[in-house]
Protein backbone atom coordinates (compact mmCIF):
# COMPACT_ATOMS: atom_id res chain seq x y z
CA UNK A 1 -49.13 54.61 122.14
CA UNK A 2 -45.52 55.18 121.13
CA UNK A 3 -44.58 56.30 117.65
CA UNK A 4 -41.83 53.65 117.51
CA UNK A 5 -42.33 50.55 115.37
CA UNK A 6 -43.09 47.21 116.99
CA UNK A 7 -39.71 46.02 115.74
CA UNK A 8 -38.01 48.85 117.63
CA UNK A 9 -39.95 47.98 120.78
CA UNK A 10 -38.85 44.34 120.51
CA UNK A 11 -35.26 45.46 120.04
CA UNK A 12 -35.47 47.37 123.33
CA UNK A 13 -36.43 44.28 125.33
CA UNK A 14 -33.97 42.59 127.65
CA UNK A 15 -31.84 40.04 125.85
CA UNK A 16 -33.45 37.04 127.56
CA UNK A 17 -36.99 38.29 126.87
CA UNK A 18 -36.13 38.93 123.25
CA UNK A 19 -34.61 35.45 122.86
CA UNK A 20 -37.70 33.78 124.31
CA UNK A 21 -39.94 35.75 121.98
CA UNK A 22 -37.94 34.80 118.90
CA UNK A 23 -37.66 31.16 119.96
CA UNK A 24 -41.45 30.90 120.06
CA UNK A 25 -41.70 31.72 116.35
CA UNK A 26 -41.76 29.05 113.67
CA UNK A 27 -39.91 29.40 110.37
CA UNK A 28 -43.17 30.34 108.67
CA UNK A 29 -43.83 32.95 111.34
CA UNK A 30 -40.38 34.46 110.77
CA UNK A 31 -40.92 34.53 107.01
CA UNK A 32 -44.29 36.24 107.44
CA UNK A 33 -42.86 38.68 109.97
CA UNK A 34 -40.10 39.68 107.55
CA UNK A 35 -42.69 41.21 105.21
CA UNK A 36 -45.16 42.43 107.84
CA UNK A 37 -45.31 46.21 107.58
CA UNK A 38 -47.43 46.47 110.72
CA UNK A 39 -44.38 45.12 112.56
CA UNK A 40 -41.61 47.12 110.87
CA UNK A 41 -43.33 50.42 110.08
CA UNK A 42 -43.58 53.33 112.46
CA UNK A 43 -47.00 54.50 113.56
CA UNK A 44 -46.61 57.68 111.47
CA UNK A 45 -46.07 55.55 108.36
CA UNK A 46 -49.42 53.76 108.55
CA UNK A 47 -52.31 54.73 106.22
CA UNK A 48 -54.95 57.09 107.61
CA UNK A 49 -58.28 55.67 108.74
CA UNK A 50 -61.56 56.93 107.36
CA UNK A 51 -63.04 58.25 104.14
CA UNK A 52 -60.27 59.95 102.22
CA UNK A 53 -59.48 60.41 98.56
CA UNK A 54 -55.84 61.53 98.69
CA UNK A 55 -53.12 60.62 101.19
CA UNK A 56 -50.36 63.24 101.03
CA UNK A 57 -47.07 62.21 102.66
CA UNK A 58 -44.94 65.35 102.80
CA UNK A 59 -41.74 64.70 104.71
CA UNK A 60 -37.99 65.18 104.71
CA UNK A 61 -35.56 63.07 102.76
CA UNK A 62 -34.93 59.62 104.20
CA UNK A 63 -38.22 59.61 106.15
CA UNK A 64 -39.33 56.40 104.42
CA UNK A 65 -41.84 57.83 101.94
CA UNK A 66 -41.03 55.34 99.17
CA UNK A 67 -41.43 52.38 101.49
CA UNK A 68 -44.79 53.78 102.62
CA UNK A 69 -45.98 53.93 99.00
CA UNK A 70 -44.85 50.36 98.35
CA UNK A 71 -46.46 48.99 101.50
CA UNK A 72 -49.73 50.80 100.84
CA UNK A 73 -49.90 49.22 97.38
CA UNK A 74 -49.08 45.82 98.86
CA UNK A 75 -51.98 46.17 101.28
CA UNK A 76 -54.31 46.80 98.34
CA UNK A 77 -52.96 44.08 96.04
CA UNK A 78 -52.12 41.03 98.11
CA UNK A 79 -54.80 38.47 98.84
CA UNK A 80 -54.89 35.14 100.66
CA UNK A 81 -53.37 33.42 97.63
CA UNK A 82 -50.97 34.58 94.90
CA UNK A 83 -53.52 33.32 92.36
CA UNK A 84 -56.55 35.08 93.83
CA UNK A 85 -56.96 38.84 94.13
CA UNK A 86 -58.56 40.10 97.34
CA UNK A 87 -62.19 41.21 97.16
CA UNK A 88 -62.43 44.74 95.80
CA UNK A 89 -58.77 44.78 94.73
CA UNK A 90 -57.79 47.36 92.09
CA UNK A 91 -57.48 46.00 88.57
CA UNK A 92 -55.25 48.81 87.31
CA UNK A 93 -52.83 51.01 89.26
CA UNK A 94 -50.99 54.12 88.05
CA UNK A 95 -47.40 54.72 89.19
CA UNK A 96 -46.43 58.30 88.30
CA UNK A 97 -42.93 59.73 88.65
CA UNK A 98 -41.10 62.75 87.30
CA UNK A 99 -39.54 60.59 84.59
CA UNK A 100 -39.78 56.97 83.52
CA UNK A 101 -36.21 56.43 84.76
CA UNK A 102 -37.12 57.85 88.19
CA UNK A 103 -40.08 55.51 88.37
CA UNK A 104 -37.95 52.47 87.57
CA UNK A 105 -35.04 53.36 89.83
CA UNK A 106 -37.13 54.43 92.83
CA UNK A 107 -40.65 52.99 92.76
CA UNK A 108 -39.90 49.66 91.08
CA UNK A 109 -36.26 48.62 91.42
CA UNK A 110 -35.01 50.85 94.25
CA UNK A 111 -33.81 49.61 97.64
CA UNK A 112 -37.30 50.32 99.03
CA UNK A 113 -39.11 49.67 95.75
CA UNK A 114 -41.75 47.11 94.87
CA UNK A 115 -39.36 44.42 93.64
CA UNK A 116 -37.29 44.55 96.82
CA UNK A 117 -40.14 44.67 99.33
CA UNK A 118 -42.74 42.30 97.91
CA UNK A 119 -42.49 38.70 99.20
CA UNK A 120 -41.59 35.97 96.74
CA UNK A 121 -45.17 34.69 96.50
CA UNK A 122 -46.49 38.14 95.55
CA UNK A 123 -43.58 39.70 93.69
CA UNK A 124 -44.78 41.28 90.42
CA UNK A 125 -43.21 40.64 87.06
CA UNK A 126 -41.80 43.83 85.53
CA UNK A 127 -42.30 44.13 81.78
CA UNK A 128 -39.97 47.00 80.97
CA UNK A 129 -40.98 47.36 77.32
CA UNK A 130 -44.64 47.75 78.31
CA UNK A 131 -43.85 49.86 81.40
CA UNK A 132 -46.03 47.46 83.34
CA UNK A 133 -45.90 45.34 86.49
CA UNK A 134 -48.12 42.27 86.74
CA UNK A 135 -48.78 40.52 90.06
CA UNK A 136 -49.42 36.75 90.21
CA UNK A 137 -53.12 37.44 90.86
CA UNK A 138 -53.43 39.46 87.63
CA UNK A 139 -53.43 42.98 89.09
CA UNK A 140 -51.43 45.41 86.94
CA UNK A 141 -49.59 48.66 87.60
CA UNK A 142 -48.48 51.00 84.81
CA UNK A 143 -45.59 53.48 84.94
CA UNK A 144 -46.15 57.05 83.75
CA UNK A 145 -43.90 60.08 83.49
CA UNK A 146 -44.71 63.73 84.16
CA UNK A 147 -42.55 64.52 81.14
CA UNK A 148 -45.37 63.10 78.98
CA UNK A 149 -48.65 64.01 80.73
CA UNK A 150 -50.77 62.97 77.73
CA UNK A 151 -49.90 59.33 78.47
CA UNK A 152 -52.47 59.61 81.26
CA UNK A 153 -55.14 60.92 78.94
CA UNK A 154 -57.40 57.93 78.36
CA UNK A 155 -56.28 55.09 80.67
CA UNK A 156 -58.46 54.39 83.72
CA UNK A 157 -57.18 53.34 87.14
CA UNK A 158 -58.51 52.37 90.54
CA UNK A 159 -55.47 53.50 92.53
CA UNK A 160 -52.50 55.76 91.93
CA UNK A 161 -49.18 56.43 93.61
CA UNK A 162 -47.63 59.80 92.69
CA UNK A 163 -43.99 60.08 93.77
CA UNK A 164 -42.04 63.35 94.27
CA UNK A 165 -44.85 65.43 92.82
CA UNK A 166 -43.09 68.67 93.80
CA UNK A 167 -40.41 68.07 91.16
CA UNK A 168 -42.67 66.96 88.30
CA UNK A 169 -41.91 68.60 84.97
CA UNK A 170 -45.58 69.33 84.06
CA UNK A 171 -47.17 69.07 87.46
CA UNK A 172 -50.63 70.59 86.89
CA UNK A 173 -51.31 68.89 83.55
CA UNK A 174 -50.06 65.51 84.79
CA UNK A 175 -52.10 65.73 87.98
CA UNK A 176 -55.28 66.72 86.13
CA UNK A 177 -54.95 63.87 83.64
CA UNK A 178 -54.28 61.41 86.46
CA UNK A 179 -57.42 62.44 88.36
CA UNK A 180 -59.62 62.34 85.25
CA UNK A 181 -58.68 58.67 84.79
CA UNK A 182 -59.01 57.69 88.45
CA UNK A 183 -62.51 56.27 88.06
CA UNK A 184 -62.36 52.48 88.44
CA UNK A 185 -63.61 50.57 91.45
CA UNK A 186 -65.83 51.61 94.34
CA UNK A 187 -63.34 53.93 96.04
CA UNK A 188 -60.56 55.31 93.82
CA UNK A 189 -57.65 56.72 95.82
CA UNK A 190 -54.29 58.35 95.23
CA UNK A 191 -51.22 58.48 97.44
CA UNK A 192 -48.70 61.30 97.05
CA UNK A 193 -45.18 61.01 98.46
CA UNK A 194 -42.93 64.04 98.19
CA UNK A 195 -40.36 66.31 99.76
CA UNK A 196 -42.09 69.72 99.75
CA UNK A 197 -41.53 72.66 97.49
CA UNK A 198 -43.71 75.74 97.41
CA UNK A 199 -45.77 74.92 94.32
CA UNK A 200 -49.48 75.79 93.88
CA UNK A 201 -50.64 72.15 93.70
CA UNK A 202 -49.16 71.26 97.09
CA UNK A 203 -50.76 74.30 98.67
CA UNK A 204 -54.14 73.29 97.20
CA UNK A 205 -53.82 69.71 98.44
CA UNK A 206 -52.99 70.81 101.97
CA UNK A 207 -56.15 72.93 102.07
CA UNK A 208 -58.44 70.18 100.66
CA UNK A 209 -60.71 68.51 103.24
CA UNK A 210 -60.54 65.19 101.36
CA UNK A 211 -56.75 65.06 101.64
CA UNK A 212 -55.13 63.39 104.67
CA UNK A 213 -51.66 64.81 105.32
CA UNK A 214 -48.80 62.97 106.98
CA UNK A 215 -45.79 65.09 107.99
CA UNK A 216 -42.37 63.95 109.14
CA UNK A 217 -38.64 64.66 109.11
CA UNK A 218 -35.44 62.85 108.25
CA UNK A 219 -34.53 62.20 111.87
CA UNK A 220 -37.75 60.21 112.46
CA UNK A 221 -36.03 57.41 110.54
CA UNK A 222 -32.58 57.84 112.10
CA UNK A 223 -32.53 54.21 113.27
CA UNK A 224 -32.36 53.13 109.61
CA UNK A 225 -29.95 55.81 108.34
CA UNK A 226 -26.12 55.78 108.53
CA UNK A 227 -24.60 57.85 111.32
CA UNK A 228 -22.15 59.42 108.85
CA UNK A 229 -25.04 60.64 106.69
CA UNK A 230 -26.88 62.12 109.66
CA UNK A 231 -23.74 63.87 110.91
CA UNK A 232 -23.03 65.36 107.49
CA UNK A 233 -26.53 66.72 106.88
CA UNK A 234 -26.64 68.20 110.38
CA UNK A 235 -23.37 69.98 109.79
CA UNK A 236 -24.36 71.31 106.38
CA UNK A 237 -28.07 72.04 106.62
CA UNK A 238 -29.19 72.34 110.23
CA UNK A 239 -30.58 75.83 110.86
CA UNK A 240 -30.86 76.69 107.14
CA UNK A 241 -33.97 77.23 105.03
CA UNK A 242 -33.07 74.35 102.75
CA UNK A 243 -32.65 72.18 105.85
CA UNK A 244 -36.13 73.10 106.99
CA UNK A 245 -37.46 72.03 103.60
CA UNK A 246 -35.35 68.99 102.74
CA UNK A 247 -34.86 67.57 106.26
CA UNK A 248 -37.89 68.72 108.22
CA UNK A 249 -40.39 68.67 105.34
CA UNK A 250 -41.56 72.25 105.82
CA UNK A 251 -43.44 73.98 103.03
CA UNK A 252 -41.54 77.26 102.93
CA UNK A 253 -43.23 80.48 101.90
CA UNK A 254 -41.34 83.10 99.94
CA UNK A 255 -39.42 85.70 101.95
CA UNK A 256 -40.84 89.20 101.74
CA UNK A 257 -38.57 91.37 99.62
CA UNK A 258 -36.79 88.45 97.92
CA UNK A 259 -35.78 89.10 94.31
CA UNK A 260 -37.17 85.74 93.16
CA UNK A 261 -40.27 83.72 94.05
CA UNK A 262 -40.97 80.03 93.59
CA UNK A 263 -43.89 80.73 91.28
CA UNK A 264 -41.57 82.78 89.10
CA UNK A 265 -38.98 80.00 88.96
CA UNK A 266 -41.58 77.30 88.33
CA UNK A 267 -42.83 79.34 85.39
CA UNK A 268 -39.40 79.48 83.76
CA UNK A 269 -38.71 75.73 83.78
CA UNK A 270 -38.17 73.87 80.50
CA UNK A 271 -37.48 70.24 79.57
CA UNK A 272 -35.69 70.76 76.25
CA UNK A 273 -32.92 73.13 75.29
CA UNK A 274 -32.75 75.12 72.05
CA UNK A 275 -29.51 75.60 70.16
CA UNK A 276 -27.15 77.64 72.30
CA UNK A 277 -24.80 80.20 70.82
CA UNK A 278 -22.69 80.75 73.94
CA UNK A 279 -22.01 78.95 77.23
CA UNK A 280 -20.12 80.17 80.29
CA UNK A 281 -19.08 78.67 83.63
CA UNK A 282 -19.12 81.19 86.47
CA UNK A 283 -17.26 80.72 89.76
CA UNK A 284 -17.62 82.51 93.09
CA UNK A 285 -14.52 81.27 94.98
CA UNK A 286 -14.54 80.95 98.78
CA UNK A 287 -12.06 82.87 100.91
CA UNK A 288 -10.98 79.74 102.76
CA UNK A 289 -11.37 75.96 102.64
CA UNK A 290 -12.53 73.31 105.08
CA UNK A 291 -15.91 72.28 106.52
CA UNK A 292 -16.62 75.74 107.98
CA UNK A 293 -15.77 77.63 104.79
CA UNK A 294 -18.30 79.13 102.38
CA UNK A 295 -19.35 77.09 99.39
CA UNK A 296 -17.67 77.63 96.05
CA UNK A 297 -20.52 78.67 93.77
CA UNK A 298 -20.18 77.16 90.28
CA UNK A 299 -22.99 77.72 87.76
CA UNK A 300 -23.14 76.74 84.09
CA UNK A 301 -25.41 78.89 81.89
CA UNK A 302 -25.99 79.50 78.21
CA UNK A 303 -27.57 81.90 75.73
CA UNK A 304 -29.57 81.04 72.63
CA UNK A 305 -29.69 82.74 69.25
CA UNK A 306 -32.63 84.90 70.38
CA UNK A 307 -30.72 86.31 73.34
CA UNK A 308 -32.47 84.29 76.06
CA UNK A 309 -30.56 82.76 78.98
CA UNK A 310 -30.59 79.19 80.29
CA UNK A 311 -29.31 77.79 83.58
CA UNK A 312 -27.81 74.41 82.72
CA UNK A 313 -26.07 73.03 85.82
CA UNK A 314 -25.31 73.80 89.46
CA UNK A 315 -21.85 72.41 90.22
CA UNK A 316 -21.42 74.21 93.55
CA UNK A 317 -19.01 72.44 95.90
CA UNK A 318 -18.40 72.78 99.63
CA UNK A 319 -15.58 72.13 102.09
CA UNK A 320 -12.77 71.50 99.60
CA UNK A 321 -9.47 73.13 98.77
CA UNK A 322 -8.72 75.52 95.88
CA UNK A 323 -7.45 72.80 93.54
CA UNK A 324 -10.66 70.81 94.02
CA UNK A 325 -13.11 73.62 93.23
CA UNK A 326 -10.97 74.83 90.34
CA UNK A 327 -10.87 71.31 88.92
CA UNK A 328 -14.64 71.03 89.27
CA UNK A 329 -15.14 74.30 87.37
CA UNK A 330 -12.72 73.34 84.59
CA UNK A 331 -14.34 69.92 84.25
CA UNK A 332 -17.72 71.61 83.72
CA UNK A 333 -16.06 74.02 81.25
CA UNK A 334 -14.93 71.10 79.07
CA UNK A 335 -18.05 68.99 79.58
CA UNK A 336 -20.25 71.77 78.19
CA UNK A 337 -17.66 72.95 75.67
CA UNK A 338 -18.00 76.40 77.24
CA UNK A 339 -16.80 79.61 75.64
CA UNK A 340 -15.54 81.23 78.83
CA UNK A 341 -14.85 80.66 82.52
CA UNK A 342 -15.79 83.71 84.61
CA UNK A 343 -14.46 84.04 88.16
CA UNK A 344 -14.90 86.71 90.82
CA UNK A 345 -11.48 87.84 92.06
CA UNK A 346 -12.34 90.20 94.90
CA UNK A 347 -10.84 87.84 97.45
CA UNK A 348 -8.31 85.85 95.43
CA UNK A 349 -7.04 88.42 92.95
CA UNK A 350 -4.43 87.09 90.53
CA UNK A 351 -4.19 83.86 92.54
CA UNK A 352 -7.50 82.71 91.06
CA UNK A 353 -6.21 82.97 87.51
CA UNK A 354 -2.90 81.35 88.50
CA UNK A 355 -4.82 78.44 89.94
CA UNK A 356 -6.96 78.05 86.81
CA UNK A 357 -3.91 78.27 84.52
CA UNK A 358 -2.06 75.74 86.64
CA UNK A 359 -4.74 73.16 85.86
CA UNK A 360 -5.47 74.17 82.26
CA UNK A 361 -3.56 77.05 80.64
CA UNK A 362 -5.83 76.98 77.55
CA UNK A 363 -9.05 77.95 79.34
CA UNK A 364 -10.70 81.15 78.08
CA UNK A 365 -10.74 83.06 81.37
CA UNK A 366 -12.33 86.34 82.43
CA UNK A 367 -11.78 87.83 85.91
CA UNK A 368 -14.60 89.97 87.29
CA UNK A 369 -14.51 92.25 90.30
CA UNK A 370 -17.52 93.29 92.36
CA UNK A 371 -17.65 97.05 92.76
CA UNK A 372 -21.30 97.19 93.92
CA UNK A 373 -23.34 95.38 96.54
CA UNK A 374 -24.72 91.89 95.96
CA UNK A 375 -28.34 93.04 95.76
CA UNK A 376 -27.59 95.81 93.26
CA UNK A 377 -25.69 93.36 91.04
CA UNK A 378 -28.50 90.82 91.24
CA UNK A 379 -31.42 93.15 90.48
CA UNK A 380 -30.82 93.37 86.68
CA UNK A 381 -30.64 89.57 86.51
CA UNK A 382 -33.87 89.24 88.51
CA UNK A 383 -35.48 91.65 86.06
CA UNK A 384 -34.52 89.32 83.20
CA UNK A 385 -36.39 86.52 84.96
CA UNK A 386 -39.47 88.73 85.33
CA UNK A 387 -39.29 89.55 81.62
CA UNK A 388 -39.36 85.83 80.79
CA UNK A 389 -35.85 85.86 79.33
CA UNK A 390 -34.25 83.27 81.65
CA UNK A 391 -35.10 79.56 81.81
CA UNK A 392 -34.03 76.68 84.04
CA UNK A 393 -33.26 73.41 82.29
CA UNK A 394 -34.45 71.17 85.11
CA UNK A 395 -34.77 71.75 88.84
CA UNK A 396 -31.97 73.09 91.03
CA UNK A 397 -33.31 72.80 94.61
CA UNK A 398 -30.39 74.34 96.50
CA UNK A 399 -29.83 77.16 94.01
CA UNK A 400 -33.55 77.97 93.81
CA UNK A 401 -33.90 77.90 97.58
CA UNK A 402 -31.04 80.39 97.83
CA UNK A 403 -32.60 82.57 95.14
CA UNK A 404 -35.98 82.67 96.90
CA UNK A 405 -34.26 83.61 100.16
CA UNK A 406 -32.10 86.33 98.60
CA UNK A 407 -33.04 89.81 99.81
CA UNK A 408 -31.33 92.91 101.11
CA UNK A 409 -32.31 91.94 104.65
CA UNK A 410 -30.75 88.49 104.38
CA UNK A 411 -27.56 89.90 102.84
CA UNK A 412 -27.21 92.32 105.75
CA UNK A 413 -27.33 89.36 108.13
CA UNK A 414 -24.06 88.24 106.58
CA UNK A 415 -25.38 85.20 104.74
CA UNK A 416 -23.24 84.33 101.73
CA UNK A 417 -25.37 83.50 98.64
CA UNK A 418 -22.55 81.72 96.80
CA UNK A 419 -24.74 79.99 94.23
CA UNK A 420 -26.64 83.21 93.49
CA UNK A 421 -23.37 85.13 93.13
CA UNK A 422 -22.13 82.65 90.53
CA UNK A 423 -25.52 82.74 88.77
CA UNK A 424 -25.44 86.53 88.60
CA UNK A 425 -21.91 86.55 87.14
CA UNK A 426 -22.86 83.94 84.53
CA UNK A 427 -26.02 85.66 83.32
CA UNK A 428 -24.41 89.09 83.47
CA UNK A 429 -21.65 87.90 81.14
CA UNK A 430 -24.14 86.27 78.80
CA UNK A 431 -26.87 88.90 78.63
CA UNK A 432 -25.88 92.16 80.28
CA UNK A 433 -22.28 92.72 79.30
CA UNK A 434 -21.70 94.79 76.19
CA UNK A 435 -19.71 92.91 73.59
CA UNK A 436 -17.27 94.86 71.48
CA UNK A 437 -18.17 94.59 67.82
CA UNK A 438 -16.36 96.04 64.81
CA UNK A 439 -17.97 99.21 63.48
CA UNK A 440 -17.47 101.17 60.27
CA UNK A 441 -17.04 104.86 60.94
CA UNK A 442 -17.56 107.58 58.34
CA UNK A 443 -15.00 110.32 58.65
CA UNK A 444 -16.02 113.67 57.20
CA UNK A 445 -13.28 116.13 56.30
């Protein structure tokens, strides 16, 4: 049996055969076919058969994971009549996202969300204030956020859909609370849809015998994705580690000898920032411009009153000219009300400062020059992470992927860690550079 959808097979028929097939359908048939997932979905997108507790869909971006979650819920909720729930239907469903906003924008109101994909007769009513969806047959689904895992402490559910679990703020606590409440009905089940990241929970799920795993990549869904998008991601990410993760859905293991690990970075993640006493924007300019040029690493970081560092934003930009990356850096400088803009000048020299001054002559600017190798410069910053002195305000997938792939071996291969370079310059300026302070000297005659 082919992995193509039935819709794709029909599209491949000769024009006359396809016309005869369509002509044989009534208006009601066409309406039903429009919402028939067995017709539109690919074989790899169908639910597993058998006795399973968790269905883990771990695939690249654009694979169709959200639509799979929506259609699985539809199969559990919809009965023969909008006023009658099917036998054994779940009374309460949990929809869990990284944040409430993510849940609304993706699971509920997104292009492939519940409101867009449910037919008129079975479309739920979304009560935003109650974070609840109610179907015409009385079945309810409640939205939860990983930012507040205690919301799941108490409520009971028969089914759950956990979206993008690899980026959840409090992944272990949220998952535990969700499972403790999954105790309604004869066969409680949970579906997980996510692009992979090397977190402990995902590794545990993949080793669990009661978990059915569906794998897939971005290109599996190429028939439904714009050609321009596919061409761009091929050019930028094909053959890279982040491409293997974000496009092909691979669960990447840390590189031996890398200065950072994913467990280390996951342990330094925070949701709220303290008061910051100093903020810098660091820039690692590319030698050239254009689609084949290196990225321009731009990292925003800060320091609190206790001398701890915080990564605030990754503004790295690729394939643009000098004025574009300089404008991006200066925009971040003003957005965060930064104290200094730090730029490496090994390749650009005084031209870097001239470019910055041309856009904004009032920027507090510090040129830095690399006199040691990349790994040697990065090691003191990596040590700060190990000491628990650096925190990430949010998730920075591309930066963190580069960090976990940064080792002496990789540097020798000629790979340019532009984001890491900017990160190192930012945190060096904030935490490792000696600041000149006035001192009172006693002179003895």
